[in-house]
């Protein structure tokens, strides 16, 4: 009954190409949650399981996103990562009427945690009032930077870059930017 609260469903069924046959049994149960989620964010292999189709090309990704939308998802992001191209990390967004393709260069660094970070960042952007498409665009860039700054444990969120984003918003008089800067300041992460 709280439809104004954004919900991001990241169906973590398959991690780094490790596929357990048991997860296939979860598909039908997971589909029941689609209508309640603002956006779903499966990786390529999870999208294959959920849409029950093979994904080898960008057109296949689009067909799978449409199928997931038809199964009840309001907005779909398929995280393709480096599975379609060895030069570009390709994700797609589908809102039922339009496809958007988001690409960044592949970085030769540790990307453990990138998918979870993307879903979390999308949730954060939605709470800040961004549209689903805007949230995905902002989050894709945020994750690119997190991968760029990764260490042996995986992706690292860079507070300095986040602060710069919010400083711009605060300078434009946006309340969310002002609130975020005050929060960072209260935690000792921002110095004038």
C-alpha atoms as a PDB file:
ATOM      1  CA  UNK A   1       0.000   0.000   0.000  1.00  0.00           C
ATOM      2  CA  UNK A   2       3.048   2.275  -0.029  1.00  0.00           C
ATOM      3  CA  UNK A   3       3.503   2.534  -3.771  1.00  0.00           C
ATOM      4  CA  UNK A   4       5.423   5.789  -3.390  1.00  0.00           C
ATOM      5  CA  UNK A   5       8.357   3.904  -1.854  1.00  0.00           C
ATOM      6  CA  UNK A   6      10.698   2.698  -4.610  1.00  0.00           C
ATOM      7  CA  UNK A   7      11.664  -0.971  -4.519  1.00  0.00           C
ATOM      8  CA  UNK A   8      14.665  -2.384  -6.377  1.00  0.00           C
ATOM      9  CA  UNK A   9      14.617  -6.153  -6.852  1.00  0.00           C
ATOM     10  CA  UNK A  10      18.088  -7.554  -7.511  1.00  0.00           C
ATOM     11  CA  UNK A  11      17.439 -11.267  -8.078  1.00  0.00           C
ATOM     12  CA  UNK A  12      20.796 -12.621  -6.946  1.00  0.00           C
ATOM     13  CA  UNK A  13      20.424 -16.106  -8.391  1.00  0.00           C
ATOM     14  CA  UNK A  14      23.755 -16.394 -10.180  1.00  0.00           C
ATOM     15  CA  UNK A  15      27.014 -14.766  -9.167  1.00  0.00           C
ATOM     16  CA  UNK A  16      29.984 -14.522 -11.523  1.00  0.00           C
ATOM     17  CA  UNK A  17      28.661 -17.190 -13.901  1.00  0.00           C
ATOM     18  CA  UNK A  18      28.274 -19.867 -11.203  1.00  0.00           C
ATOM     19  CA  UNK A  19      24.904 -21.444 -11.895  1.00  0.00           C
ATOM     20  CA  UNK A  20      23.298 -23.750  -9.355  1.00  0.00           C
ATOM     21  CA  UNK A  21      20.513 -25.892 -10.806  1.00  0.00           C
ATOM     22  CA  UNK A  22      18.529 -25.353  -7.602  1.00  0.00           C
ATOM     23  CA  UNK A  23      18.088 -21.651  -8.381  1.00  0.00           C
ATOM     24  CA  UNK A  24      15.963 -22.498 -11.400  1.00  0.00           C
ATOM     25  CA  UNK A  25      13.281 -23.720  -8.989  1.00  0.00           C
ATOM     26  CA  UNK A  26      13.123 -20.237  -7.425  1.00  0.00           C
ATOM     27  CA  UNK A  27      12.087 -18.606 -10.714  1.00  0.00           C
ATOM     28  CA  UNK A  28       8.330 -18.961 -10.321  1.00  0.00           C
ATOM     29  CA  UNK A  29       8.402 -17.641  -6.770  1.00  0.00           C
ATOM     30  CA  UNK A  30      10.572 -14.693  -7.732  1.00  0.00           C
ATOM     31  CA  UNK A  31       8.266 -13.700 -10.590  1.00  0.00           C
ATOM     32  CA  UNK A  32       5.499 -13.075  -8.041  1.00  0.00           C
ATOM     33  CA  UNK A  33       7.477 -10.104  -6.714  1.00  0.00           C
ATOM     34  CA  UNK A  34       7.859  -8.341 -10.078  1.00  0.00           C
ATOM     35  CA  UNK A  35       4.644  -6.268  -9.906  1.00  0.00           C
ATOM     36  CA  UNK A  36       5.693  -4.815  -6.531  1.00  0.00           C
ATOM     37  CA  UNK A  37       9.152  -3.690  -7.630  1.00  0.00           C
ATOM     38  CA  UNK A  38       9.886  -0.314  -9.182  1.00  0.00           C
ATOM     39  CA  UNK A  39      12.761  -1.863 -11.101  1.00  0.00           C
ATOM     40  CA  UNK A  40      14.433  -5.269 -11.403  1.00  0.00           C
ATOM     41  CA  UNK A  41      18.181  -5.641 -11.998  1.00  0.00           C
ATOM     42  CA  UNK A  42      19.171  -9.170 -13.057  1.00  0.00           C
ATOM     43  CA  UNK A  43      22.581  -9.894 -14.511  1.00  0.00           C
ATOM     44  CA  UNK A  44      22.751 -11.552 -17.913  1.00  0.00           C
ATOM     45  CA  UNK A  45      22.596 -15.131 -16.636  1.00  0.00           C
ATOM     46  CA  UNK A  46      19.784 -14.322 -14.188  1.00  0.00           C
ATOM     47  CA  UNK A  47      17.860 -12.658 -17.025  1.00  0.00           C
ATOM     48  CA  UNK A  48      18.282 -15.840 -19.078  1.00  0.00           C
ATOM     49  CA  UNK A  49      16.854 -17.911 -16.216  1.00  0.00           C
ATOM     50  CA  UNK A  50      13.972 -15.536 -15.517  1.00  0.00           C
ATOM     51  CA  UNK A  51      13.017 -14.912 -19.158  1.00  0.00           C
ATOM     52  CA  UNK A  52      13.752 -18.537 -20.109  1.00  0.00           C
ATOM     53  CA  UNK A  53      15.763 -17.509 -23.147  1.00  0.00           C
ATOM     54  CA  UNK A  54      19.361 -17.465 -24.330  1.00  0.00           C
ATOM     55  CA  UNK A  55      21.110 -14.084 -24.463  1.00  0.00           C
ATOM     56  CA  UNK A  56      24.079 -13.790 -26.828  1.00  0.00           C
ATOM     57  CA  UNK A  57      23.530 -10.361 -28.440  1.00  0.00           C
ATOM     58  CA  UNK A  58      22.225  -6.913 -27.624  1.00  0.00           C
ATOM     59  CA  UNK A  59      19.001  -7.776 -29.467  1.00  0.00           C
ATOM     60  CA  UNK A  60      18.680 -10.872 -27.265  1.00  0.00           C
ATOM     61  CA  UNK A  61      19.082  -8.630 -24.188  1.00  0.00           C
ATOM     62  CA  UNK A  62      16.295  -6.388 -25.448  1.00  0.00           C
ATOM     63  CA  UNK A  63      14.009  -9.361 -26.114  1.00  0.00           C
ATOM     64  CA  UNK A  64      14.683 -10.703 -22.616  1.00  0.00           C
ATOM     65  CA  UNK A  65      13.993  -7.277 -21.057  1.00  0.00           C
ATOM     66  CA  UNK A  66      10.689  -7.100 -22.928  1.00  0.00           C
ATOM     67  CA  UNK A  67       9.813 -10.613 -21.742  1.00  0.00           C
ATOM     68  CA  UNK A  68      10.586  -9.666 -18.122  1.00  0.00           C
ATOM     69  CA  UNK A  69       8.465  -6.551 -18.513  1.00  0.00           C
ATOM     70  CA  UNK A  70       5.636  -8.705 -19.879  1.00  0.00           C
ATOM     71  CA  UNK A  71       6.005 -10.935 -16.806  1.00  0.00           C
ATOM     72  CA  UNK A  72       5.118  -7.973 -14.577  1.00  0.00           C
ATOM     73  CA  UNK A  73       8.282  -5.907 -14.069  1.00  0.00           C
ATOM     74  CA  UNK A  74       7.630  -2.143 -14.340  1.00  0.00           C
ATOM     75  CA  UNK A  75      11.226  -1.299 -15.315  1.00  0.00           C
ATOM     76  CA  UNK A  76      14.051  -3.674 -16.238  1.00  0.00           C
ATOM     77  CA  UNK A  77      17.823  -3.310 -16.167  1.00  0.00           C
ATOM     78  CA  UNK A  78      19.838  -6.227 -17.501  1.00  0.00           C
ATOM     79  CA  UNK A  79      23.422  -6.021 -16.318  1.00  0.00           C
ATOM     80  CA  UNK A  80      25.420  -7.388 -19.216  1.00  0.00           C
ATOM     81  CA  UNK A  81      28.814  -6.439 -17.872  1.00  0.00           C
ATOM     82  CA  UNK A  82      31.592  -7.686 -20.129  1.00  0.00           C
ATOM     83  CA  UNK A  83      29.687 -10.751 -21.359  1.00  0.00           C
ATOM     84  CA  UNK A  84      28.726  -9.316 -24.753  1.00  0.00           C
ATOM     85  CA  UNK A  85      31.881  -7.342 -25.462  1.00  0.00           C
ATOM     86  CA  UNK A  86      35.406  -7.485 -24.156  1.00  0.00           C
ATOM     87  CA  UNK A  87      35.776  -3.717 -24.626  1.00  0.00           C
ATOM     88  CA  UNK A  88      32.490  -2.318 -23.258  1.00  0.00           C
ATOM     89  CA  UNK A  89      30.371  -3.053 -20.198  1.00  0.00           C
ATOM     90  CA  UNK A  90      26.864  -3.007 -21.667  1.00  0.00           C
ATOM     91  CA  UNK A  91      23.675  -2.712 -19.636  1.00  0.00           C
ATOM     92  CA  UNK A  92      20.184  -2.066 -20.965  1.00  0.00           C
ATOM     93  CA  UNK A  93      17.162  -0.359 -19.446  1.00  0.00           C
ATOM     94  CA  UNK A  94      13.570  -0.939 -20.568  1.00  0.00           C
ATOM     95  CA  UNK A  95      10.511   0.884 -19.257  1.00  0.00           C
ATOM     96  CA  UNK A  96       7.889  -0.789 -21.434  1.00  0.00           C
ATOM     97  CA  UNK A  97       8.136   1.716 -24.256  1.00  0.00           C
ATOM     98  CA  UNK A  98      11.783   2.587 -24.794  1.00  0.00           C
ATOM     99  CA  UNK A  99      15.162   0.843 -24.592  1.00  0.00           C
ATOM    100  CA  UNK A 100      18.266   2.659 -23.371  1.00  0.00           C
ATOM    101  CA  UNK A 101      21.737   1.185 -23.704  1.00  0.00           C
ATOM    102  CA  UNK A 102      24.384   2.194 -21.179  1.00  0.00           C
ATOM    103  CA  UNK A 103      28.026   1.496 -21.994  1.00  0.00           C
ATOM    104  CA  UNK A 104      31.297   2.138 -20.212  1.00  0.00           C
ATOM    105  CA  UNK A 105      34.798   0.941 -20.980  1.00  0.00           C
ATOM    106  CA  UNK A 106      35.896  -2.364 -19.475  1.00  0.00           C
ATOM    107  CA  UNK A 107      38.430  -1.768 -16.738  1.00  0.00           C
ATOM    108  CA  UNK A 108      41.106  -4.301 -15.916  1.00  0.00           C
ATOM    109  CA  UNK A 109      40.405  -4.139 -12.182  1.00  0.00           C
ATOM    110  CA  UNK A 110      38.495  -6.142  -9.583  1.00  0.00           C
ATOM    111  CA  UNK A 111      34.742  -5.789 -10.166  1.00  0.00           C
ATOM    112  CA  UNK A 112      33.452  -7.985  -7.334  1.00  0.00           C
ATOM    113  CA  UNK A 113      30.347  -6.306  -5.929  1.00  0.00           C
ATOM    114  CA  UNK A 114      29.597  -4.201  -9.002  1.00  0.00           C
ATOM    115  CA  UNK A 115      26.123  -5.662  -9.576  1.00  0.00           C
ATOM    116  CA  UNK A 116      25.038  -5.211  -5.962  1.00  0.00           C
ATOM    117  CA  UNK A 117      26.502  -1.706  -5.944  1.00  0.00           C
ATOM    118  CA  UNK A 118      24.529  -0.851  -9.096  1.00  0.00           C
ATOM    119  CA  UNK A 119      21.250  -2.035  -7.555  1.00  0.00           C
ATOM    120  CA  UNK A 120      21.965  -0.133  -4.315  1.00  0.00           C
ATOM    121  CA  UNK A 121      22.899   3.006  -6.184  1.00  0.00           C
ATOM    122  CA  UNK A 122      19.710   2.823  -8.285  1.00  0.00           C
ATOM    123  CA  UNK A 123      17.692   2.547  -5.056  1.00  0.00           C
ATOM    124  CA  UNK A 124      19.504   5.583  -3.642  1.00  0.00           C
ATOM    125  CA  UNK A 125      18.876   7.631  -6.776  1.00  0.00           C
ATOM    126  CA  UNK A 126      15.179   6.683  -6.800  1.00  0.00           C
ATOM    127  CA  UNK A 127      14.828   7.801  -3.179  1.00  0.00           C
ATOM    128  CA  UNK A 128      16.405  11.114  -4.193  1.00  0.00           C
ATOM    129  CA  UNK A 129      13.567  11.566  -6.699  1.00  0.00           C
ATOM    130  CA  UNK A 130      15.233  10.525  -9.956  1.00  0.00           C
ATOM    131  CA  UNK A 131      13.201   8.770 -12.602  1.00  0.00           C
ATOM    132  CA  UNK A 132      14.136   5.099 -13.111  1.00  0.00           C
ATOM    133  CA  UNK A 133      16.047   5.927 -16.313  1.00  0.00           C
ATOM    134  CA  UNK A 134      17.921   8.811 -14.644  1.00  0.00           C
ATOM    135  CA  UNK A 135      18.678   6.582 -11.648  1.00  0.00           C
ATOM    136  CA  UNK A 136      20.207   3.936 -13.912  1.00  0.00           C
ATOM    137  CA  UNK A 137      22.300   6.500 -15.806  1.00  0.00           C
ATOM    138  CA  UNK A 138      23.681   8.043 -12.585  1.00  0.00           C
ATOM    139  CA  UNK A 139      24.288   4.631 -11.065  1.00  0.00           C
ATOM    140  CA  UNK A 140      26.102   3.262 -14.114  1.00  0.00           C
ATOM    141  CA  UNK A 141      28.630   6.101 -13.813  1.00  0.00           C
ATOM    142  CA  UNK A 142      28.876   5.650 -10.039  1.00  0.00           C
ATOM    143  CA  UNK A 143      29.662   1.926 -10.458  1.00  0.00           C
ATOM    144  CA  UNK A 144      32.215   2.667 -13.182  1.00  0.00           C
ATOM    145  CA  UNK A 145      34.035   4.890 -10.687  1.00  0.00           C
ATOM    146  CA  UNK A 146      33.669   2.268  -7.931  1.00  0.00           C
ATOM    147  CA  UNK A 147      35.275  -0.337 -10.205  1.00  0.00           C
ATOM    148  CA  UNK A 148      37.974   2.153 -11.166  1.00  0.00           C
ATOM    149  CA  UNK A 149      38.855   2.556  -7.471  1.00  0.00           C
ATOM    150  CA  UNK A 150      38.557  -1.158  -6.605  1.00  0.00           C
ATOM    151  CA  UNK A 151      41.047  -3.009  -4.468  1.00  0.00           C
ATOM    152  CA  UNK A 152      41.720  -6.686  -3.797  1.00  0.00           C
ATOM    153  CA  UNK A 153      38.324  -7.019  -2.077  1.00  0.00           C
ATOM    154  CA  UNK A 154      36.263  -5.534  -4.897  1.00  0.00           C
ATOM    155  CA  UNK A 155      34.606  -2.263  -5.809  1.00  0.00           C
ATOM    156  CA  UNK A 156      35.031   0.798  -3.585  1.00  0.00           C
ATOM    157  CA  UNK A 157      32.578   3.617  -3.349  1.00  0.00           C
ATOM    158  CA  UNK A 158      34.418   6.896  -3.590  1.00  0.00           C
ATOM    159  CA  UNK A 159      32.961   9.447  -1.170  1.00  0.00           C
ATOM    160  CA  UNK A 160      34.928  12.297  -2.721  1.00  0.00           C
ATOM    161  CA  UNK A 161      33.248  11.831  -6.104  1.00  0.00           C
ATOM    162  CA  UNK A 162      29.830  11.439  -4.493  1.00  0.00           C
ATOM    163  CA  UNK A 163      30.432  14.651  -2.577  1.00  0.00           C
ATOM    164  CA  UNK A 164      31.291  16.444  -5.825  1.00  0.00           C
ATOM    165  CA  UNK A 165      27.980  15.300  -7.367  1.00  0.00           C
ATOM    166  CA  UNK A 166      26.035  16.568  -4.355  1.00  0.00           C
ATOM    167  CA  UNK A 167      28.012  19.830  -4.195  1.00  0.00           C
ATOM    168  CA  UNK A 168      26.819  20.581  -7.738  1.00  0.00           C
ATOM    169  CA  UNK A 169      23.230  19.871  -6.719  1.00  0.00           C
ATOM    170  CA  UNK A 170      23.591  22.041  -3.607  1.00  0.00           C
ATOM    171  CA  UNK A 171      24.999  24.924  -5.683  1.00  0.00           C
ATOM    172  CA  UNK A 172      21.911  24.634  -7.890  1.00  0.00           C
ATOM    173  CA  UNK A 173      19.784  25.005  -4.767  1.00  0.00           C
ATOM    174  CA  UNK A 174      18.498  21.439  -4.851  1.00  0.00           C
ATOM    175  CA  UNK A 175      17.404  20.309  -1.404  1.00  0.00           C
ATOM    176  CA  UNK A 176      18.744  16.778  -1.885  1.00  0.00           C
ATOM    177  CA  UNK A 177      22.224  18.197  -2.539  1.00  0.00           C
ATOM    178  CA  UNK A 178      22.110  20.407   0.520  1.00  0.00           C
ATOM    179  CA  UNK A 179      20.841  17.535   2.695  1.00  0.00           C
ATOM    180  CA  UNK A 180      23.527  15.171   1.383  1.00  0.00           C
ATOM    181  CA  UNK A 181      26.352  17.671   1.995  1.00  0.00           C
ATOM    182  CA  UNK A 182      25.080  18.204   5.551  1.00  0.00           C
ATOM    183  CA  UNK A 183      25.083  14.424   6.098  1.00  0.00           C
ATOM    184  CA  UNK A 184      28.626  14.013   4.731  1.00  0.00           C
ATOM    185  CA  UNK A 185      29.748  16.957   6.892  1.00  0.00           C
ATOM    186  CA  UNK A 186      28.170  15.411  10.012  1.00  0.00           C
ATOM    187  CA  UNK A 187      30.105  12.177   9.366  1.00  0.00           C
ATOM    188  CA  UNK A 188      33.401  14.033   8.960  1.00  0.00           C
ATOM    189  CA  UNK A 189      33.681  13.080   5.274  1.00  0.00           C
ATOM    190  CA  UNK A 190      33.335  16.618   3.933  1.00  0.00           C
ATOM    191  CA  UNK A 191      35.478  19.574   4.706  1.00  0.00           C
ATOM    192  CA  UNK A 192      34.707  22.906   3.083  1.00  0.00           C
END
